[in-house]
Structures are given as C-alpha cells and as structure tokens.
Amino acid sequence: MGHDTVETPSLSFVGGEEPGRGTPYARYARLDELHGLQHPLSKAPAEMSFIVTTQVMELLFDLLRHEWTLAQQALREDDLPAALAALRRGTHVQDVLTESWDLLATMTPQEFNSFRALFGEASGFQSSAFLHLEFLLGNKNAALLNMYADAPRTRDELAEALRAPSLYDDALAVLARRGLTVPHLPSEQRHHASPEVEAAWRRVYTEPEFAGLQPLAEALLDVAERVTRWRQRHLNAVRRTMGAKPGSGGSSGLTWLRKSADQDVFPELWSIRDEM
C-alpha cells in the first residue's frame, strides 16, 4: 500500500545577503524594524491598540496612494482597463481602512483619556500621507502645507501634489480627449461642482457614443462612496471615544469631521443622478 507524502517547508536556510537576520521572510518584510516601531508612552492597555492601528492606517494610506498613482498614469496613457484595475484594487484598500476603525471604535472615553494627554498636539489630521490622498482626490488647500514648515522634504512633496493634476483631473482629461466638452483645468484649489463637468458626465450615461466611459464613472463613484464611508466611520469613532471635545491637533473635533463627511468627492457624479 502506498503512503501519501507530505512536503514540509524548509526549516533551515543557508546563505543569504543578510546573515544573522532571521528567516528570508523576516528579511523581505523587514520584520525586525516593523515590530520595533511600537513604543507606548504609558502602561494603559489601550495605547498599544491605538499605536498599531494608527501605523496600519499609515501603511494603507501609502498603498492607496500607490494604486491611485498607477490609475493616474494609466488614464494619461488612455489605458482604461489598467486604470480600472488600479481603482478596483484601491477600493479593497479603502474597505480595509474603513474597517480598521473597528479596532478603535469600542475604546471607552476612560481608556482613551488614560493616555491621550501623553501625545500632546499629535493628531491624525497632521498625517502627510493622508493629506496627499486628499490632494489626489481634488480636496486641495495650500494653507495646510504650513503644518510641515519643519519638514521641508514633506512640504515639497505635498506642494508638488498640490500643483499636479488630481485623479479626477486626469479622468476629466480622458473625457475631453474622447470628444466631450470639459472646460476644466487642474487647479491648486479645491474642486467645486461645475455645470459643464456635470453635463459631460450626463452625456456619458445617456449617449451611446460615450457609453464606454461609464465603467470609469462607476469606478470613480466607488472610490467616492468609500471616502464618505471612511469619513463617517471616523466621525462615529471619535464621537464614541471622546465626544465633542476639541481635537488634539487644535481642530473643532466633531464639527470639523461632520463638515468633512458632508462634502461629496467627485460631486458631479452624484448630482447627475438627480435628473436621470
């Protein structure tokens, strides 16, 4: 009678470019560095969860920026399948980001207050990675660069993103190249709804000649909807853990978050639905 053989993974590793640094997996993923980045300032049990969740969000911000940048490059090359694939991968990142609030949302006010004072004026509002995403969405505000006066490299990078076309700008440029009238130019200002842009998107949905652009419109709306979900989840998590107290970074807390949650991303893709 034959015996099934079970292959076991390798348990010994010879050589390597970095001897003494553990397994190939540990070297590839830089695990020593990764697991050495958590330094709570208190003995409060909830602080470790707060730090890890914050760091995970920052990594996901970088991944989302990577996908949206790939989508922009594809749009500039009129490669819609590649752009849609990048946007689709990005929506999965957005979903994980939104769900990551679950790690913090059940923290009680007492748990949060047990270490909140120790991080002083630090606030997620100051995240340069998150601000870069906002600029990519077209939510631009040059005044926010003042936060990075002591970080010139970061400030320069964000200033470049402020001047560059947003993801939405690149999508509208595709519409213009396909023959739609889109009197829109990239700007360093926040994008506001435009009747001309709204008319162009309406034609995408109503005229067979432009129906091939509908998947792009729907993919952008998937992104926009998830941005709103993230903002609303953020609002509710803060409301539950700290109520209406001012934010640690000096913002008005819930008032500022509510205003942000009420602002539609890619507004014309929403408004055209009122008359369709």
C-alpha atoms as a PDB file:
ATOM      1  CA  MET A   1       0.000   0.000   0.000  1.00  0.00           C
ATOM      2  CA  GLY A   2       1.391   3.394  -0.961  1.00  0.00           C
ATOM      3  CA  HIS A   3       1.837   6.173   1.527  1.00  0.00           C
ATOM      4  CA  ASP A   4       0.976   9.785   0.867  1.00  0.00           C
ATOM      5  CA  THR A   5       3.951  12.023   1.416  1.00  0.00           C
ATOM      6  CA  VAL A   6       3.551  15.447   2.900  1.00  0.00           C
ATOM      7  CA  GLU A   7       6.112  18.032   1.928  1.00  0.00           C
ATOM      8  CA  THR A   8       7.205  20.078   4.888  1.00  0.00           C
ATOM      9  CA  PRO A   9       8.515  23.604   4.457  1.00  0.00           C
ATOM     10  CA  SER A  10      12.217  24.250   4.697  1.00  0.00           C
ATOM     11  CA  LEU A  11      13.356  24.757   8.257  1.00  0.00           C
ATOM     12  CA  SER A  12      16.948  25.625   7.527  1.00  0.00           C
ATOM     13  CA  PHE A  13      18.232  28.427   5.352  1.00  0.00           C
ATOM     14  CA  VAL A  14      21.759  28.629   4.079  1.00  0.00           C
ATOM     15  CA  GLY A  15      23.480  31.796   2.979  1.00  0.00           C
ATOM     16  CA  GLY A  16      21.591  34.943   2.139  1.00  0.00           C
ATOM     17  CA  GLU A  17      22.605  38.518   1.727  1.00  0.00           C
ATOM     18  CA  GLU A  18      21.996  39.354   5.397  1.00  0.00           C
ATOM     19  CA  PRO A  19      23.229  36.511   7.626  1.00  0.00           C
ATOM     20  CA  GLY A  20      22.071  36.751  11.195  1.00  0.00           C
ATOM     21  CA  ARG A  21      18.831  38.494  10.251  1.00  0.00           C
ATOM     22  CA  GLY A  22      16.494  35.532  10.649  1.00  0.00           C
ATOM     23  CA  THR A  23      14.364  33.860   8.006  1.00  0.00           C
ATOM     24  CA  PRO A  24      14.091  35.055   4.398  1.00  0.00           C
ATOM     25  CA  TYR A  25      10.524  36.144   5.220  1.00  0.00           C
ATOM     26  CA  ALA A  26      11.719  38.302   8.112  1.00  0.00           C
ATOM     27  CA  ARG A  27      14.362  39.895   5.901  1.00  0.00           C
ATOM     28  CA  TYR A  28      11.998  40.506   2.986  1.00  0.00           C
ATOM     29  CA  ALA A  29       9.258  42.102   5.107  1.00  0.00           C
ATOM     30  CA  ARG A  30      11.755  43.914   7.387  1.00  0.00           C
ATOM     31  CA  LEU A  31      10.021  42.408  10.405  1.00  0.00           C
ATOM     32  CA  ASP A  32      12.681  43.418  12.933  1.00  0.00           C
ATOM     33  CA  GLU A  33      12.105  47.064  12.054  1.00  0.00           C
ATOM     34  CA  LEU A  34       8.341  46.687  11.754  1.00  0.00           C
ATOM     35  CA  HIS A  35       7.852  45.075  15.149  1.00  0.00           C
ATOM     36  CA  GLY A  36      10.209  47.541  16.777  1.00  0.00           C
ATOM     37  CA  LEU A  37       8.178  50.622  15.911  1.00  0.00           C
ATOM     38  CA  GLN A  38       5.630  50.452  18.734  1.00  0.00           C
ATOM     39  CA  HIS A  39       6.642  52.496  21.760  1.00  0.00           C
ATOM     40  CA  PRO A  40       3.708  53.245  24.093  1.00  0.00           C
ATOM     41  CA  LEU A  41       4.180  56.230  26.379  1.00  0.00           C
ATOM     42  CA  SER A  42       2.046  54.744  29.137  1.00  0.00           C
ATOM     43  CA  LYS A  43       1.088  51.411  30.646  1.00  0.00           C
ATOM     44  CA  ALA A  44      -2.518  51.855  29.544  1.00  0.00           C
ATOM     45  CA  PRO A  45      -3.560  48.647  27.743  1.00  0.00           C
ATOM     46  CA  ALA A  46      -5.492  50.545  25.056  1.00  0.00           C
ATOM     47  CA  GLU A  47      -2.492  52.609  23.903  1.00  0.00           C
ATOM     48  CA  MET A  48      -0.840  49.697  22.077  1.00  0.00           C
ATOM     49  CA  SER A  49      -4.003  49.159  20.034  1.00  0.00           C
ATOM     50  CA  PHE A  50      -4.106  52.886  19.248  1.00  0.00           C
ATOM     51  CA  ILE A  51      -0.481  52.944  18.042  1.00  0.00           C
ATOM     52  CA  VAL A  52      -0.716  49.768  15.951  1.00  0.00           C
ATOM     53  CA  THR A  53      -3.979  50.852  14.313  1.00  0.00           C
ATOM     54  CA  THR A  54      -2.527  54.254  13.504  1.00  0.00           C
ATOM     55  CA  GLN A  55       0.559  52.684  11.936  1.00  0.00           C
ATOM     56  CA  VAL A  56      -1.522  50.214   9.938  1.00  0.00           C
ATOM     57  CA  MET A  57      -3.634  53.077   8.597  1.00  0.00           C
ATOM     58  CA  GLU A  58      -0.491  54.956   7.554  1.00  0.00           C
ATOM     59  CA  LEU A  59       0.767  51.921   5.617  1.00  0.00           C
ATOM     60  CA  LEU A  60      -2.607  51.586   3.925  1.00  0.00           C
ATOM     61  CA  PHE A  61      -2.548  55.280   3.005  1.00  0.00           C
ATOM     62  CA  ASP A  62       0.727  54.626   1.195  1.00  0.00           C
ATOM     63  CA  LEU A  63      -0.728  51.598  -0.587  1.00  0.00           C
ATOM     64  CA  LEU A  64      -3.795  53.562  -1.661  1.00  0.00           C
ATOM     65  CA  ARG A  65      -1.613  56.368  -2.969  1.00  0.00           C
ATOM     66  CA  HIS A  66       0.338  53.770  -4.953  1.00  0.00           C
ATOM     67  CA  GLU A  67      -2.845  52.453  -6.591  1.00  0.00           C
ATOM     68  CA  TRP A  68      -4.297  55.880  -7.345  1.00  0.00           C
ATOM     69  CA  THR A  69      -0.991  56.999  -8.838  1.00  0.00           C
ATOM     70  CA  LEU A  70      -0.980  53.930 -11.096  1.00  0.00           C
ATOM     71  CA  ALA A  71      -4.562  54.774 -12.082  1.00  0.00           C
ATOM     72  CA  GLN A  72      -3.489  58.315 -12.970  1.00  0.00           C
ATOM     73  CA  GLN A  73      -0.622  57.063 -15.117  1.00  0.00           C
ATOM     74  CA  ALA A  74      -2.954  54.677 -16.943  1.00  0.00           C
ATOM     75  CA  LEU A  75      -5.521  57.424 -17.537  1.00  0.00           C
ATOM     76  CA  ARG A  76      -2.850  59.649 -19.034  1.00  0.00           C
ATOM     77  CA  GLU A  77      -1.991  56.821 -21.415  1.00  0.00           C
ATOM     78  CA  ASP A  78      -5.693  56.230 -22.240  1.00  0.00           C
ATOM     79  CA  ASP A  79      -5.385  52.713 -20.839  1.00  0.00           C
ATOM     80  CA  LEU A  80      -8.804  52.405 -19.223  1.00  0.00           C
ATOM     81  CA  PRO A  81      -8.528  48.684 -18.318  1.00  0.00           C
ATOM     82  CA  ALA A  82      -5.327  49.332 -16.356  1.00  0.00           C
ATOM     83  CA  ALA A  83      -6.850  52.393 -14.695  1.00  0.00           C
ATOM     84  CA  LEU A  84      -9.966  50.471 -13.702  1.00  0.00           C
ATOM     85  CA  ALA A  85      -7.871  47.622 -12.315  1.00  0.00           C
ATOM     86  CA  ALA A  86      -5.875  50.031 -10.131  1.00  0.00           C
ATOM     87  CA  LEU A  87      -9.023  51.771  -8.906  1.00  0.00           C
ATOM     88  CA  ARG A  88     -10.588  48.401  -8.116  1.00  0.00           C
ATOM     89  CA  ARG A  89      -7.548  47.334  -6.090  1.00  0.00           C
ATOM     90  CA  GLY A  90      -7.718  50.684  -4.345  1.00  0.00           C
ATOM     91  CA  THR A  91     -11.336  50.154  -3.295  1.00  0.00           C
ATOM     92  CA  HIS A  92     -10.271  46.994  -1.454  1.00  0.00           C
ATOM     93  CA  VAL A  93      -7.664  49.056   0.392  1.00  0.00           C
ATOM     94  CA  GLN A  94     -10.335  51.631   1.212  1.00  0.00           C
ATOM     95  CA  ASP A  95     -12.595  48.916   2.613  1.00  0.00           C
ATOM     96  CA  VAL A  96      -9.842  47.680   4.933  1.00  0.00           C
ATOM     97  CA  LEU A  97      -9.122  51.252   6.010  1.00  0.00           C
ATOM     98  CA  THR A  98     -12.742  51.829   6.933  1.00  0.00           C
ATOM     99  CA  GLU A  99     -12.971  48.544   8.817  1.00  0.00           C
ATOM    100  CA  SER A 100      -9.777  49.353  10.714  1.00  0.00           C
ATOM    101  CA  TRP A 101     -11.768  51.885  12.729  1.00  0.00           C
ATOM    102  CA  ASP A 102     -13.334  48.871  14.454  1.00  0.00           C
ATOM    103  CA  LEU A 103     -10.074  48.451  16.362  1.00  0.00           C
ATOM    104  CA  LEU A 104     -10.576  51.856  17.999  1.00  0.00           C
ATOM    105  CA  ALA A 105     -14.303  52.464  17.936  1.00  0.00           C
ATOM    106  CA  THR A 106     -15.071  50.499  21.098  1.00  0.00           C
ATOM    107  CA  MET A 107     -12.426  52.278  23.175  1.00  0.00           C
ATOM    108  CA  THR A 108     -14.178  53.952  26.075  1.00  0.00           C
ATOM    109  CA  PRO A 109     -13.550  57.611  26.936  1.00  0.00           C
ATOM    110  CA  GLN A 110     -11.784  56.481  30.104  1.00  0.00           C
ATOM    111  CA  GLU A 111      -9.444  54.203  28.126  1.00  0.00           C
ATOM    112  CA  PHE A 112      -8.624  56.919  25.618  1.00  0.00           C
ATOM    113  CA  ASN A 113      -8.130  59.578  28.279  1.00  0.00           C
ATOM    114  CA  SER A 114      -5.703  57.300  30.110  1.00  0.00           C
ATOM    115  CA  PHE A 115      -3.018  58.129  27.527  1.00  0.00           C
ATOM    116  CA  ARG A 116      -4.391  60.937  25.361  1.00  0.00           C
ATOM    117  CA  ALA A 117      -2.545  63.732  27.167  1.00  0.00           C
ATOM    118  CA  LEU A 118       0.789  61.992  26.564  1.00  0.00           C
ATOM    119  CA  PHE A 119       0.810  62.554  22.803  1.00  0.00           C
ATOM    120  CA  GLY A 120       0.222  66.288  23.177  1.00  0.00           C
ATOM    121  CA  GLU A 121      -0.720  68.057  19.945  1.00  0.00           C
ATOM    122  CA  ALA A 122      -0.257  64.962  17.775  1.00  0.00           C
ATOM    123  CA  SER A 123      -3.279  64.333  15.559  1.00  0.00           C
ATOM    124  CA  GLY A 124      -4.145  62.192  12.563  1.00  0.00           C
ATOM    125  CA  PHE A 125      -5.033  65.477  10.867  1.00  0.00           C
ATOM    126  CA  GLN A 126      -1.283  66.039  10.579  1.00  0.00           C
ATOM    127  CA  SER A 127      -0.694  62.892   8.501  1.00  0.00           C
ATOM    128  CA  SER A 128       1.137  63.886   5.326  1.00  0.00           C
ATOM    129  CA  ALA A 129       0.225  60.553   3.710  1.00  0.00           C
ATOM    130  CA  PHE A 130      -3.473  61.223   4.298  1.00  0.00           C
ATOM    131  CA  LEU A 131      -3.175  64.810   3.059  1.00  0.00           C
ATOM    132  CA  HIS A 132      -1.531  63.536  -0.122  1.00  0.00           C
ATOM    133  CA  LEU A 133      -4.603  61.353  -0.695  1.00  0.00           C
ATOM    134  CA  GLU A 134      -6.857  64.358  -0.170  1.00  0.00           C
ATOM    135  CA  PHE A 135      -4.912  66.287  -2.801  1.00  0.00           C
ATOM    136  CA  LEU A 136      -5.192  63.331  -5.191  1.00  0.00           C
ATOM    137  CA  LEU A 137      -8.973  63.449  -4.692  1.00  0.00           C
ATOM    138  CA  GLY A 138      -9.017  67.161  -5.545  1.00  0.00           C
ATOM    139  CA  ASN A 139      -9.542  68.322  -1.963  1.00  0.00           C
ATOM    140  CA  LYS A 140      -6.703  70.822  -2.141  1.00  0.00           C
ATOM    141  CA  ASN A 141      -5.840  73.513   0.376  1.00  0.00           C
ATOM    142  CA  ALA A 142      -2.453  75.222   0.180  1.00  0.00           C
ATOM    143  CA  ALA A 143      -2.728  76.568   3.724  1.00  0.00           C
ATOM    144  CA  LEU A 144      -2.351  73.044   5.103  1.00  0.00           C
ATOM    145  CA  LEU A 145       1.249  72.961   3.907  1.00  0.00           C
ATOM    146  CA  ASN A 146       2.096  75.294   6.790  1.00  0.00           C
ATOM    147  CA  MET A 147       1.971  72.282   9.113  1.00  0.00           C
ATOM    148  CA  TYR A 148       5.172  70.985   7.546  1.00  0.00           C
ATOM    149  CA  ALA A 149       7.404  74.040   7.948  1.00  0.00           C
ATOM    150  CA  ASP A 150       9.857  71.896   9.936  1.00  0.00           C
ATOM    151  CA  ALA A 151       9.779  69.082   7.374  1.00  0.00           C
ATOM    152  CA  PRO A 152      10.884  70.670   4.068  1.00  0.00           C
ATOM    153  CA  ARG A 153      11.075  67.387   2.181  1.00  0.00           C
ATOM    154  CA  THR A 154       7.498  66.517   3.096  1.00  0.00           C
ATOM    155  CA  ARG A 155       6.337  70.054   2.359  1.00  0.00           C
ATOM    156  CA  ASP A 156       7.970  69.988  -1.085  1.00  0.00           C
ATOM    157  CA  GLU A 157       6.387  66.648  -1.905  1.00  0.00           C
ATOM    158  CA  LEU A 158       2.947  67.892  -0.922  1.00  0.00           C
ATOM    159  CA  ALA A 159       3.460  71.171  -2.791  1.00  0.00           C
ATOM    160  CA  GLU A 160       4.158  69.129  -5.911  1.00  0.00           C
ATOM    161  CA  ALA A 161       0.952  67.150  -5.361  1.00  0.00           C
ATOM    162  CA  LEU A 162      -0.928  70.418  -4.864  1.00  0.00           C
ATOM    163  CA  ARG A 163       0.260  71.719  -8.251  1.00  0.00           C
ATOM    164  CA  ALA A 164      -0.173  68.427 -10.116  1.00  0.00           C
ATOM    165  CA  PRO A 165      -3.434  67.173 -11.644  1.00  0.00           C
ATOM    166  CA  SER A 166      -5.642  65.223  -9.268  1.00  0.00           C
ATOM    167  CA  LEU A 167      -7.027  61.793 -10.037  1.00  0.00           C
ATOM    168  CA  TYR A 168     -10.301  63.478 -11.018  1.00  0.00           C
ATOM    169  CA  ASP A 169      -8.445  65.948 -13.254  1.00  0.00           C
ATOM    170  CA  ASP A 170      -6.915  63.037 -15.151  1.00  0.00           C
ATOM    171  CA  ALA A 171     -10.309  61.362 -15.522  1.00  0.00           C
ATOM    172  CA  LEU A 172     -11.833  64.567 -16.898  1.00  0.00           C
ATOM    173  CA  ALA A 173      -8.927  64.861 -19.332  1.00  0.00           C
ATOM    174  CA  VAL A 174      -9.885  61.442 -20.710  1.00  0.00           C
ATOM    175  CA  LEU A 175     -13.424  62.703 -21.300  1.00  0.00           C
ATOM    176  CA  ALA A 176     -12.055  65.719 -23.166  1.00  0.00           C
ATOM    177  CA  ARG A 177      -9.856  63.531 -25.373  1.00  0.00           C
ATOM    178  CA  ARG A 178     -12.879  61.363 -26.179  1.00  0.00           C
ATOM    179  CA  GLY A 179     -14.712  64.364 -27.604  1.00  0.00           C
ATOM    180  CA  LEU A 180     -16.699  65.665 -24.649  1.00  0.00           C
ATOM    181  CA  THR A 181     -16.712  69.336 -23.786  1.00  0.00           C
ATOM    182  CA  VAL A 182     -14.970  69.666 -20.452  1.00  0.00           C
ATOM    183  CA  PRO A 183     -13.773  73.258 -19.869  1.00  0.00           C
ATOM    184  CA  HIS A 184     -11.790  72.213 -16.829  1.00  0.00           C
ATOM    185  CA  LEU A 185      -8.155  72.790 -15.932  1.00  0.00           C
ATOM    186  CA  PRO A 186      -6.169  71.404 -12.986  1.00  0.00           C
ATOM    187  CA  SER A 187      -6.046  73.823 -10.083  1.00  0.00           C
ATOM    188  CA  GLU A 188      -4.372  74.274  -6.720  1.00  0.00           C
ATOM    189  CA  GLN A 189      -7.826  74.961  -5.272  1.00  0.00           C
ATOM    190  CA  ARG A 190     -10.427  72.525  -4.007  1.00  0.00           C
ATOM    191  CA  HIS A 191     -12.585  71.171  -6.805  1.00  0.00           C
ATOM    192  CA  HIS A 192     -16.122  72.552  -6.791  1.00  0.00           C
ATOM    193  CA  ALA A 193     -19.061  71.228  -8.772  1.00  0.00           C
ATOM    194  CA  SER A 194     -19.236  72.544 -12.326  1.00  0.00           C
ATOM    195  CA  PRO A 195     -22.331  72.563 -14.592  1.00  0.00           C
ATOM    196  CA  GLU A 196     -20.086  71.878 -17.612  1.00  0.00           C
ATOM    197  CA  VAL A 197     -18.463  68.851 -15.988  1.00  0.00           C
ATOM    198  CA  GLU A 198     -21.872  67.636 -14.863  1.00  0.00           C
ATOM    199  CA  ALA A 199     -23.155  67.920 -18.450  1.00  0.00           C
ATOM    200  CA  ALA A 200     -20.201  65.884 -19.730  1.00  0.00           C
ATOM    201  CA  TRP A 201     -20.815  63.049 -17.278  1.00  0.00           C
ATOM    202  CA  ARG A 202     -24.539  63.104 -18.096  1.00  0.00           C
ATOM    203  CA  ARG A 203     -23.688  62.504 -21.745  1.00  0.00           C
ATOM    204  CA  VAL A 204     -21.540  59.547 -20.711  1.00  0.00           C
ATOM    205  CA  TYR A 205     -24.617  57.949 -19.157  1.00  0.00           C
ATOM    206  CA  THR A 206     -27.174  58.937 -21.790  1.00  0.00           C
ATOM    207  CA  GLU A 207     -25.446  58.911 -25.177  1.00  0.00           C
ATOM    208  CA  PRO A 208     -24.375  55.546 -26.658  1.00  0.00           C
ATOM    209  CA  GLU A 209     -21.334  57.167 -28.269  1.00  0.00           C
ATOM    210  CA  PHE A 210     -19.781  57.691 -24.834  1.00  0.00           C
ATOM    211  CA  ALA A 211     -21.093  54.593 -23.047  1.00  0.00           C
ATOM    212  CA  GLY A 212     -17.598  53.100 -22.976  1.00  0.00           C
ATOM    213  CA  LEU A 213     -16.702  55.680 -20.336  1.00  0.00           C
ATOM    214  CA  GLN A 214     -19.400  54.539 -17.918  1.00  0.00           C
ATOM    215  CA  PRO A 215     -17.130  51.971 -16.199  1.00  0.00           C
ATOM    216  CA  LEU A 216     -14.732  54.805 -15.391  1.00  0.00           C
ATOM    217  CA  ALA A 217     -17.550  56.882 -13.945  1.00  0.00           C
ATOM    218  CA  GLU A 218     -18.753  53.975 -11.817  1.00  0.00           C
ATOM    219  CA  ALA A 219     -15.229  53.150 -10.623  1.00  0.00           C
ATOM    220  CA  LEU A 220     -14.726  56.769  -9.554  1.00  0.00           C
ATOM    221  CA  LEU A 221     -18.064  56.700  -7.761  1.00  0.00           C
ATOM    222  CA  ASP A 222     -16.955  53.535  -5.940  1.00  0.00           C
ATOM    223  CA  VAL A 223     -13.922  55.486  -4.739  1.00  0.00           C
ATOM    224  CA  ALA A 224     -16.026  58.488  -3.744  1.00  0.00           C
ATOM    225  CA  GLU A 225     -18.552  56.421  -1.823  1.00  0.00           C
ATOM    226  CA  ARG A 226     -15.794  54.747   0.170  1.00  0.00           C
ATOM    227  CA  VAL A 227     -14.242  58.108   1.010  1.00  0.00           C
ATOM    228  CA  THR A 228     -17.573  59.113   2.546  1.00  0.00           C
ATOM    229  CA  ARG A 229     -17.801  55.817   4.442  1.00  0.00           C
ATOM    230  CA  TRP A 230     -14.306  56.394   5.856  1.00  0.00           C
ATOM    231  CA  ARG A 231     -15.183  59.914   6.975  1.00  0.00           C
ATOM    232  CA  GLN A 232     -18.441  58.850   8.580  1.00  0.00           C
ATOM    233  CA  ARG A 233     -16.760  55.948  10.368  1.00  0.00           C
ATOM    234  CA  HIS A 234     -14.071  58.330  11.602  1.00  0.00           C
ATOM    235  CA  LEU A 235     -16.739  60.722  12.854  1.00  0.00           C
ATOM    236  CA  ASN A 236     -18.584  58.000  14.743  1.00  0.00           C
ATOM    237  CA  ALA A 237     -15.416  56.530  16.236  1.00  0.00           C
ATOM    238  CA  VAL A 238     -14.349  59.928  17.568  1.00  0.00           C
ATOM    239  CA  ARG A 239     -17.841  60.678  18.822  1.00  0.00           C
ATOM    240  CA  ARG A 240     -17.844  57.426  20.768  1.00  0.00           C
ATOM    241  CA  THR A 241     -14.359  57.679  22.265  1.00  0.00           C
ATOM    242  CA  MET A 242     -14.079  61.407  23.044  1.00  0.00           C
ATOM    243  CA  GLY A 243     -17.407  63.084  22.367  1.00  0.00           C
ATOM    244  CA  ALA A 244     -17.441  66.729  21.293  1.00  0.00           C
ATOM    245  CA  LYS A 245     -14.148  67.728  22.926  1.00  0.00           C
ATOM    246  CA  PRO A 246     -11.705  69.673  20.704  1.00  0.00           C
ATOM    247  CA  GLY A 247      -9.266  67.585  18.671  1.00  0.00           C
ATOM    248  CA  SER A 248      -5.731  67.124  19.984  1.00  0.00           C
ATOM    249  CA  GLY A 249      -4.350  68.960  16.946  1.00  0.00           C
ATOM    250  CA  GLY A 250      -6.455  72.034  17.600  1.00  0.00           C
ATOM    251  CA  SER A 251      -9.403  71.250  15.322  1.00  0.00           C
ATOM    252  CA  SER A 252     -13.002  71.612  16.440  1.00  0.00           C
ATOM    253  CA  GLY A 253     -13.308  67.838  16.660  1.00  0.00           C
ATOM    254  CA  LEU A 254     -16.762  66.595  15.698  1.00  0.00           C
ATOM    255  CA  THR A 255     -17.716  69.844  13.949  1.00  0.00           C
ATOM    256  CA  TRP A 256     -14.741  69.598  11.612  1.00  0.00           C
ATOM    257  CA  LEU A 257     -15.337  65.885  10.976  1.00  0.00           C
ATOM    258  CA  ARG A 258     -19.035  66.442  10.213  1.00  0.00           C
ATOM    259  CA  LYS A 259     -18.189  69.144   7.683  1.00  0.00           C
ATOM    260  CA  SER A 260     -15.696  66.820   6.019  1.00  0.00           C
ATOM    261  CA  ALA A 261     -18.157  63.920   5.922  1.00  0.00           C
ATOM    262  CA  ASP A 262     -20.782  66.115   4.225  1.00  0.00           C
ATOM    263  CA  GLN A 263     -18.507  67.051   1.310  1.00  0.00           C
ATOM    264  CA  ASP A 264     -19.017  64.821  -1.714  1.00  0.00           C
ATOM    265  CA  VAL A 265     -15.964  63.668  -3.637  1.00  0.00           C
ATOM    266  CA  PHE A 266     -16.347  63.971  -7.437  1.00  0.00           C
ATOM    267  CA  PRO A 267     -19.611  65.868  -6.871  1.00  0.00           C
ATOM    268  CA  GLU A 268     -20.867  65.867 -10.481  1.00  0.00           C
ATOM    269  CA  LEU A 269     -21.043  62.067 -10.482  1.00  0.00           C
ATOM    270  CA  TRP A 270     -23.581  62.376  -7.665  1.00  0.00           C
ATOM    271  CA  SER A 271     -25.565  65.368  -8.908  1.00  0.00           C
ATOM    272  CA  ILE A 272     -26.290  63.910 -12.360  1.00  0.00           C
ATOM    273  CA  ARG A 273     -28.346  61.224 -10.651  1.00  0.00           C
ATOM    274  CA  ASP A 274     -30.915  63.811  -9.639  1.00  0.00           C
ATOM    275  CA  GLU A 275     -32.189  64.069 -13.238  1.00  0.00           C
ATOM    276  CA  MET A 276     -31.528  60.620 -14.664  1.00  0.00           C
END
